Protein backbone atom coordinates (compact mmCIF):
# COMPACT_ATOMS: atom_id res chain seq x y z
CA UNK A 1 0.02 -0.16 -0.11
CA UNK A 2 1.20 3.70 -0.82
CA UNK A 3 -0.55 6.74 0.57
CA UNK A 4 -0.37 9.98 -1.27
CA UNK A 5 -1.04 13.17 0.21
CA UNK A 6 -1.94 15.51 -2.66
CA UNK A 7 -3.89 18.41 -1.38
CA UNK A 8 -4.00 20.17 2.06
CA UNK A 9 -6.91 22.70 2.70
CA UNK A 10 -5.60 26.03 3.67
CA UNK A 11 -8.18 26.95 6.12
CA UNK A 12 -9.18 23.61 7.38
CA UNK A 13 -7.05 20.38 8.18
CA UNK A 14 -8.94 18.69 5.05
CA UNK A 15 -6.76 16.69 3.17
CA UNK A 16 -7.17 15.37 -0.28
CA UNK A 17 -5.26 12.05 -0.88
CA UNK A 18 -4.85 8.66 -2.83
CA UNK A 19 -4.16 5.06 -1.41
CA UNK A 20 -2.73 2.67 -3.82
CA UNK A 21 -3.51 -0.97 -2.76
CA UNK A 22 -3.09 -4.48 -3.92
CA UNK A 23 -6.67 -4.04 -5.68
CA UNK A 24 -7.02 -0.63 -6.85
CA UNK A 25 -6.46 2.82 -5.75
CA UNK A 26 -8.81 4.74 -3.36
CA UNK A 27 -9.19 8.58 -3.63
CA UNK A 28 -9.49 10.00 0.04
CA UNK A 29 -11.30 11.17 1.89
CA UNK A 30 -13.33 7.91 1.39
CA UNK A 31 -16.42 6.19 3.01
CA UNK A 32 -16.02 2.59 3.81
CA UNK A 33 -19.17 0.23 3.40
CA UNK A 34 -19.53 -2.28 6.31
CA UNK A 35 -19.35 -5.91 4.94
CA UNK A 36 -19.59 -7.61 8.22
CA UNK A 37 -19.91 -10.88 7.22
CA UNK A 38 -18.52 -10.60 3.83
CA UNK A 39 -21.21 -8.94 2.01
CA UNK A 40 -22.83 -5.23 2.47
CA UNK A 41 -26.21 -6.34 3.61
CA UNK A 42 -28.97 -6.57 0.36
CA UNK A 43 -26.48 -5.47 -2.45
CA UNK A 44 -23.91 -7.45 -4.35
CA UNK A 45 -20.54 -6.09 -5.84
CA UNK A 46 -22.03 -4.86 -9.03
CA UNK A 47 -24.16 -2.57 -6.74
CA UNK A 48 -21.13 -1.58 -5.08
CA UNK A 49 -19.25 -0.83 -8.27
CA UNK A 50 -22.08 1.03 -9.53
CA UNK A 51 -21.97 3.34 -6.33
CA UNK A 52 -18.09 3.80 -7.39
CA UNK A 53 -17.02 2.05 -4.05
CA UNK A 54 -13.35 1.57 -3.81
CA UNK A 55 -12.74 -0.18 -0.57
CA UNK A 56 -14.86 -1.83 2.00
CA UNK A 57 -14.55 -3.37 5.40
CA UNK A 58 -15.05 -6.65 6.72
CA UNK A 59 -15.68 -8.27 10.19
CA UNK A 60 -12.30 -10.22 11.24
CA UNK A 61 -13.95 -11.89 14.55
CA UNK A 62 -17.26 -12.62 12.63
CA UNK A 63 -15.89 -14.23 9.66
CA UNK A 64 -13.03 -16.25 12.00
CA UNK A 65 -16.34 -17.87 13.65
CA UNK A 66 -18.34 -18.26 10.39
CA UNK A 67 -17.57 -19.84 7.93
CA UNK A 68 -13.81 -19.68 9.40
CA UNK A 69 -10.66 -18.00 8.00
CA UNK A 70 -9.13 -21.04 6.78
CA UNK A 71 -12.55 -21.66 4.87
CA UNK A 72 -12.11 -18.17 3.58
CA UNK A 73 -8.28 -19.04 2.65
CA UNK A 74 -8.50 -22.33 1.04
CA UNK A 75 -11.24 -20.50 -1.35
CA UNK A 76 -8.85 -17.98 -2.48
CA UNK A 77 -9.27 -15.26 0.45
CA UNK A 78 -11.90 -12.67 0.85
CA UNK A 79 -11.81 -11.06 -2.70
CA UNK A 80 -12.46 -14.22 -4.28
CA UNK A 81 -14.54 -15.57 -1.76
CA UNK A 82 -17.18 -12.56 -1.97
CA UNK A 83 -16.73 -11.96 -5.79
CA UNK A 84 -15.22 -8.13 -4.91
CA UNK A 85 -11.99 -7.34 -6.92
CA UNK A 86 -11.53 -3.62 -5.23
CA UNK A 87 -9.89 -3.03 -1.93
CA UNK A 88 -10.90 -4.74 1.53
CA UNK A 89 -9.86 -3.40 5.11
CA UNK A 90 -10.43 -6.09 8.09
CA UNK A 91 -10.90 -4.82 11.42
CA UNK A 92 -9.64 -6.79 14.23
CA UNK A 93 -12.07 -7.81 16.63
CA UNK A 94 -11.37 -4.87 18.96
CA UNK A 95 -15.00 -3.44 18.53
CA UNK A 96 -16.36 -6.59 19.56
CA UNK A 97 -14.45 -6.56 23.11
CA UNK A 98 -17.26 -3.79 23.67
CA UNK A 99 -20.18 -4.76 22.02
CA UNK A 100 -20.14 -8.71 23.07
CA UNK A 101 -18.67 -7.37 26.92
CA UNK A 102 -21.22 -9.97 28.50
CA UNK A 103 -19.37 -12.68 26.70
CA UNK A 104 -15.92 -11.82 26.81
CA UNK A 105 -13.15 -11.93 29.20
CA UNK A 106 -10.06 -9.59 28.45
CA UNK A 107 -6.70 -10.70 29.67
CA UNK A 108 -2.99 -9.14 29.24
CA UNK A 109 -2.65 -12.51 26.65
CA UNK A 110 -5.70 -11.55 24.77
CA UNK A 111 -9.79 -11.73 24.86
CA UNK A 112 -11.60 -14.79 25.31
CA UNK A 113 -15.15 -14.84 23.93
CA UNK A 114 -17.85 -16.89 24.17
CA UNK A 115 -19.69 -17.34 20.73
CA UNK A 116 -22.81 -15.53 20.57
CA UNK A 117 -23.93 -18.27 17.94
CA UNK A 118 -23.51 -21.90 19.86
CA UNK A 119 -21.60 -20.92 23.10
CA UNK A 120 -18.31 -22.19 22.08
CA UNK A 121 -15.55 -20.17 23.53
CA UNK A 122 -12.56 -18.86 21.48
CA UNK A 123 -9.21 -17.20 22.35
CA UNK A 124 -8.23 -14.11 20.49
CA UNK A 125 -4.57 -12.61 20.62
CA UNK A 126 -3.04 -9.97 19.06
CA UNK A 127 -1.10 -12.62 17.15
CA UNK A 128 -3.99 -14.45 16.26
CA UNK A 129 -5.96 -11.61 15.18
CA UNK A 130 -3.19 -10.98 12.39
CA UNK A 131 -2.82 -14.47 11.33
CA UNK A 132 -6.73 -14.71 11.24
CA UNK A 133 -6.51 -11.46 9.00
CA UNK A 134 -3.51 -12.85 6.76
CA UNK A 135 -5.63 -15.65 6.33
CA UNK A 136 -8.51 -13.63 4.87
CA UNK A 137 -6.27 -11.83 2.59
CA UNK A 138 -7.39 -8.29 3.15
CA UNK A 139 -5.29 -5.46 1.37
CA UNK A 140 -5.52 -3.22 5.29
CA UNK A 141 -4.79 -5.12 8.33
CA UNK A 142 -6.01 -3.49 11.74
CA UNK A 143 -3.91 -4.02 15.22
CA UNK A 144 -5.98 -5.69 18.29
CA UNK A 145 -7.08 -3.11 20.35
CA UNK A 146 -9.46 -2.38 23.48
CA UNK A 147 -12.47 -0.09 22.67
CA UNK A 148 -13.47 0.70 26.20
CA UNK A 149 -17.19 2.18 27.00
CA UNK A 150 -17.38 5.83 27.33
CA UNK A 151 -18.26 5.63 30.84
CA UNK A 152 -15.48 4.13 32.12
CA UNK A 153 -13.30 5.87 34.80
CA UNK A 154 -9.83 7.66 33.80
CA UNK A 155 -7.80 4.84 35.46
CA UNK A 156 -9.70 2.21 33.32
CA UNK A 157 -8.92 4.13 29.87
CA UNK A 158 -5.76 4.56 30.58
CA UNK A 159 -5.02 0.74 31.61
CA UNK A 160 -6.81 -0.03 28.67
CA UNK A 161 -4.83 2.41 26.41
CA UNK A 162 -1.60 1.01 28.03
CA UNK A 163 -2.43 -2.48 26.99
CA UNK A 164 -3.65 -1.62 23.65
CA UNK A 165 -0.40 -0.11 23.26
CA UNK A 166 1.38 -3.36 24.14
CA UNK A 167 -0.89 -5.47 21.63
CA UNK A 168 0.16 -3.22 19.27
CA UNK A 169 3.73 -4.14 19.36
CA UNK A 170 3.09 -7.47 19.53
CA UNK A 171 0.83 -7.11 16.24
CA UNK A 172 3.66 -5.38 14.90
CA UNK A 173 6.27 -8.48 15.52
CA UNK A 174 3.52 -10.65 14.46
CA UNK A 175 3.89 -8.96 11.27
CA UNK A 176 7.08 -7.28 10.71
CA UNK A 177 6.74 -6.76 6.67
CA UNK A 178 5.15 -3.98 5.03
CA UNK A 179 2.39 -6.01 2.64
CA UNK A 180 -0.52 -6.29 3.71
CA UNK A 181 -0.78 -3.03 5.29
CA UNK A 182 -1.19 -2.68 9.20
CA UNK A 183 -2.41 0.14 10.87
CA UNK A 184 -2.08 0.91 14.54
CA UNK A 185 -4.94 2.25 16.80
CA UNK A 186 -4.93 5.55 19.14
CA UNK A 187 -7.23 4.70 22.37
CA UNK A 188 -7.62 6.65 25.41
CA UNK A 189 -11.19 7.78 25.58
CA UNK A 190 -12.36 11.33 25.60
CA UNK A 191 -9.11 12.55 28.14
CA UNK A 192 -6.86 14.34 25.48
CA UNK A 193 -3.68 13.59 27.69
CA UNK A 194 -4.39 9.50 27.42
CA UNK A 195 -4.66 10.43 23.61
CA UNK A 196 -1.47 12.34 23.32
CA UNK A 197 0.38 9.47 25.12
CA UNK A 198 -1.26 6.85 23.09
CA UNK A 199 -0.56 8.58 19.64
CA UNK A 200 3.41 8.88 20.50
CA UNK A 201 3.68 5.27 21.28
CA UNK A 202 1.74 3.89 18.58
CA UNK A 203 3.70 6.24 16.08
CA UNK A 204 6.99 5.07 17.57
CA UNK A 205 5.91 1.57 16.76
CA UNK A 206 5.77 2.60 13.16
CA UNK A 207 2.67 1.44 11.22
CA UNK A 208 1.43 2.19 7.65
CA UNK A 209 -1.73 4.16 9.03
CA UNK A 210 -3.10 5.09 11.87
CA UNK A 211 -6.59 4.76 13.07
CA UNK A 212 -8.61 6.58 16.03
CA UNK A 213 -10.73 3.98 17.96
CA UNK A 214 -12.98 4.46 20.52
CA UNK A 215 -15.37 7.07 19.47
CA UNK A 216 -18.65 7.42 18.75
CA UNK A 217 -19.79 5.27 21.50
CA UNK A 218 -21.39 7.65 23.38
CA UNK A 219 -19.74 10.99 23.89
CA UNK A 220 -21.41 14.06 22.68
CA UNK A 221 -20.48 15.25 18.97
CA UNK A 222 -18.75 18.23 20.63
CA UNK A 223 -16.29 15.91 22.63
CA UNK A 224 -15.75 13.63 20.03
CA UNK A 225 -14.86 16.69 17.45
CA UNK A 226 -12.21 17.89 20.18
CA UNK A 227 -11.01 14.38 20.49
CA UNK A 228 -10.24 13.80 16.75
CA UNK A 229 -8.75 17.39 16.24
CA UNK A 230 -6.25 17.06 19.06
CA UNK A 231 -5.40 13.36 17.99
CA UNK A 232 -5.17 13.56 14.35
CA UNK A 233 -2.83 16.49 14.72
CA UNK A 234 -0.37 14.07 16.66
CA UNK A 235 -0.51 11.47 13.78
CA UNK A 236 2.08 11.40 10.71
CA UNK A 237 1.13 13.88 7.77
CA UNK A 238 2.02 11.29 5.36
CA UNK A 239 -0.06 8.26 6.61
CA UNK A 240 -3.53 8.14 6.25
CA UNK A 241 -5.94 8.78 9.22
CA UNK A 242 -9.02 6.68 9.73
CA UNK A 243 -11.68 7.39 11.94
CA UNK A 244 -13.35 4.42 13.14
CA UNK A 245 -17.08 3.56 13.38
CA UNK A 246 -18.06 7.18 12.73
CA UNK A 247 -20.73 8.17 11.83
CA UNK A 248 -23.37 10.68 10.59
CA UNK A 249 -23.24 12.77 7.42
CA UNK A 250 -22.23 15.86 9.62
CA UNK A 251 -19.37 13.70 11.62
CA UNK A 252 -17.68 12.94 8.42
CA UNK A 253 -17.77 16.41 7.25
CA UNK A 254 -16.20 17.65 11.10
CA UNK A 255 -13.70 14.84 10.91
CA UNK A 256 -12.49 15.63 7.65
CA UNK A 257 -12.15 19.17 8.43
CA UNK A 258 -9.81 18.04 11.28
CA UNK A 259 -7.86 15.67 9.02
CA UNK A 260 -9.25 12.28 8.86
CA UNK A 261 -9.15 10.39 5.60
CA UNK A 262 -11.14 7.33 6.01
CA UNK A 263 -14.28 6.33 7.77
CA UNK A 264 -16.63 3.41 7.83
CA UNK A 265 -20.10 3.15 9.94
CA UNK A 266 -23.27 0.74 9.61
CA UNK A 267 -25.10 3.91 9.80
CA UNK A 268 -26.16 4.09 5.94
CA UNK A 269 -26.99 0.34 5.80
CA UNK A 270 -28.52 -0.19 8.81
CA UNK A 271 -30.65 3.01 8.56
CA UNK A 272 -31.77 1.92 5.30
CA UNK A 273 -33.22 -1.25 6.48
CA UNK A 274 -35.25 0.82 9.01
CA UNK A 275 -36.54 3.10 6.81
CA UNK A 276 -34.02 6.29 7.38
CA UNK A 277 -33.08 8.05 4.30
CA UNK A 278 -30.35 10.45 3.90
CA UNK A 279 -30.76 13.46 1.67
CA UNK A 280 -29.10 16.88 0.94
CA UNK A 281 -31.76 18.32 3.35
CA UNK A 282 -31.79 15.93 5.94
CA UNK A 283 -32.65 13.05 7.10
CA UNK A 284 -36.09 11.24 6.02
CA UNK A 285 -38.19 8.48 7.54
CA UNK A 286 -39.90 6.64 4.35
CA UNK A 287 -42.34 4.73 6.91
CA UNK A 288 -44.46 8.03 7.41
CA UNK A 289 -47.71 7.87 6.32
CA UNK A 290 -46.98 11.58 4.69
CA UNK A 291 -45.25 9.86 1.82
CA UNK A 292 -48.08 7.25 0.67
CA UNK A 293 -49.04 9.52 -2.35
CA UNK A 294 -46.07 11.31 -2.70
CA UNK A 295 -44.41 10.83 -6.50
CA UNK A 296 -41.43 12.97 -5.73
CA UNK A 297 -37.90 10.71 -5.49
CA UNK A 298 -36.34 10.77 -2.23
CA UNK A 299 -34.05 13.44 -3.14
CA UNK A 300 -34.57 15.44 -6.28
CA UNK A 301 -30.52 16.07 -6.08
CA UNK A 302 -29.66 12.85 -6.15
CA UNK A 303 -28.79 10.61 -9.41
CA UNK A 304 -28.78 7.25 -7.69
CA UNK A 305 -30.77 4.37 -9.31
CA UNK A 306 -33.34 4.41 -6.78
CA UNK A 307 -34.25 8.08 -7.05
CA UNK A 308 -33.96 8.31 -10.59
CA UNK A 309 -36.49 5.29 -11.16
CA UNK A 310 -39.01 5.20 -7.82
CA UNK A 311 -40.89 7.44 -6.02
CA UNK A 312 -41.22 8.00 -2.26
CA UNK A 313 -44.74 6.08 -2.42
CA UNK A 314 -43.44 3.06 -3.86
CA UNK A 315 -40.57 2.75 -1.30
CA UNK A 316 -42.99 3.37 1.50
CA UNK A 317 -45.13 0.67 0.12
CA UNK A 318 -42.45 -1.63 -0.21
CA UNK A 319 -41.34 -1.00 3.47
CA UNK A 320 -44.85 -1.39 5.14
CA UNK A 321 -45.46 -4.71 2.95
CA UNK A 322 -42.14 -5.81 4.19
CA UNK A 323 -40.73 -6.23 0.62
CA UNK A 324 -36.91 -7.23 0.38
CA UNK A 325 -36.64 -4.47 -2.49
CA UNK A 326 -37.54 -1.44 -0.63
CA UNK A 327 -34.38 -2.49 1.66
CA UNK A 328 -32.18 -3.00 -1.29
CA UNK A 329 -33.50 0.12 -2.91
CA UNK A 330 -32.99 1.90 0.42
CA UNK A 331 -29.67 1.06 0.78
CA UNK A 332 -28.58 1.84 -2.91
CA UNK A 333 -29.69 5.24 -1.93
CA UNK A 334 -28.00 5.88 1.22
CA UNK A 335 -24.33 4.26 0.06
CA UNK A 336 -24.86 6.57 -2.92
CA UNK A 337 -25.75 9.47 -0.92
CA UNK A 338 -22.43 8.95 1.53
CA UNK A 339 -20.15 8.12 -1.44
CA UNK A 340 -21.38 11.62 -3.16
CA UNK A 341 -20.74 13.14 -0.10
CA UNK A 342 -16.80 12.15 -0.07
CA UNK A 343 -16.63 12.72 -4.18
CA UNK A 344 -17.93 16.71 -3.46
CA UNK A 345 -15.48 17.08 -0.41
CA UNK A 346 -12.77 15.68 -2.23
CA UNK A 347 -13.61 18.31 -5.20
CA UNK A 348 -14.08 21.00 -2.58
CA UNK A 349 -10.75 20.61 -1.08
CA UNK A 350 -9.25 20.25 -4.63
CA UNK A 351 -10.63 23.66 -5.40
CA UNK A 352 -9.96 25.42 -2.15
CA UNK A 353 -13.50 25.99 -1.20
CA UNK A 354 -13.73 23.20 1.66
CA UNK A 355 -15.02 25.68 4.40
CA UNK A 356 -17.46 27.24 2.41
CA UNK A 357 -18.84 24.13 0.83
CA UNK A 358 -18.92 22.34 4.59
CA UNK A 359 -21.05 25.23 5.86
CA UNK A 360 -23.28 25.16 2.94
CA UNK A 361 -23.95 21.45 3.44
CA UNK A 362 -24.70 21.38 6.78
CA UNK A 363 -26.89 24.36 6.37
CA UNK A 364 -28.95 22.52 4.06
CA UNK A 365 -28.92 19.18 6.16
CA UNK A 366 -30.55 20.83 9.25
CA UNK A 367 -32.95 23.07 6.73
CA UNK A 368 -36.02 20.49 6.94
CA UNK A 369 -37.27 20.56 10.46
CA UNK A 370 -38.99 17.74 10.20
CA UNK A 371 -35.62 15.62 9.54
CA UNK A 372 -32.26 15.29 12.05
CA UNK A 373 -29.31 13.70 11.57
CA UNK A 374 -28.01 13.94 14.92
CA UNK A 375 -29.10 10.71 16.60
CA UNK A 376 -26.38 8.68 18.04
CA UNK A 377 -25.39 5.31 16.51
CA UNK A 378 -23.83 2.04 17.24
CA UNK A 379 -21.52 1.26 14.54
CA UNK A 380 -21.22 -2.65 14.22
CA UNK A 381 -23.67 -5.03 13.50
CA UNK A 382 -22.84 -7.60 16.40
């Protein structure tokens, strides 16, 4: 993997860059759809190509449990297994330390999980996380970390952050080469001193890229943006910066303004399956009875397949009738919206107009009082 920093905005920390991976180039800033089980729910690879997705995220822990990383390896790796010929990033299982907290036990050696599928027990160490991701054949691997709960005390965040650094060293030792790329993860909750210590220690280990973990898990937007701005400034300028599991369109714009290059979140796909559609003027709930006879597309400003061919009335009919096509069309729209938002951001950075463009986008997102894009969302399916 190679990262080129092409343009830095003059009035913000926004960056235009390009990742070159073994499976193609990825322009940044970029949003990665979540393909937790080696599939972006309701879509196939042709849909993702149509929406110009260049990089998707798959989940190490879930693919380890089912079908098993050795099965995926024997079948040619993730790209061949899922029929996807573009780039793949695999997370390490660190978020499941939080989301499956009732089913796991953390020690210095690693994490023991009780499977949510059949109750069997599995041990995930830093070395095992790297082994699994190598077998899956991803283009970008993530070091194993702990994502602590937002409500944890300072002492817990400190101990967790220090353990994450020690795990990062073990991940680096288990993968001493440069390919596939390995990213380190900065933790520390909302405590800026812990974030500083974590960023410095992770930099000293040396990774191809750096991620900000443990955010979007309950803290308010202002807290999150403060941590992102503080931490991103401490990371190497010539390496990609990845904000994990975040978030809303507003979160993405604020993250870009603070120097973030990569994002992932289940928000657009999960919301789509629950009738929540993102538009240039806010979020729309297609379940509402007000759309029963509405002939308009979801967003008149959108050029996605869904908006070009179907009305709000039809999408509402599909949803209330529990038709699978409705979930698919909703997902196509939301991923198009996110991809197009990133495309516009890149254009604005290149043109030197990012700050004005961002202000205009945010004003339009909040212009419809019947919609809101500020609800906190979880950022993984399990």
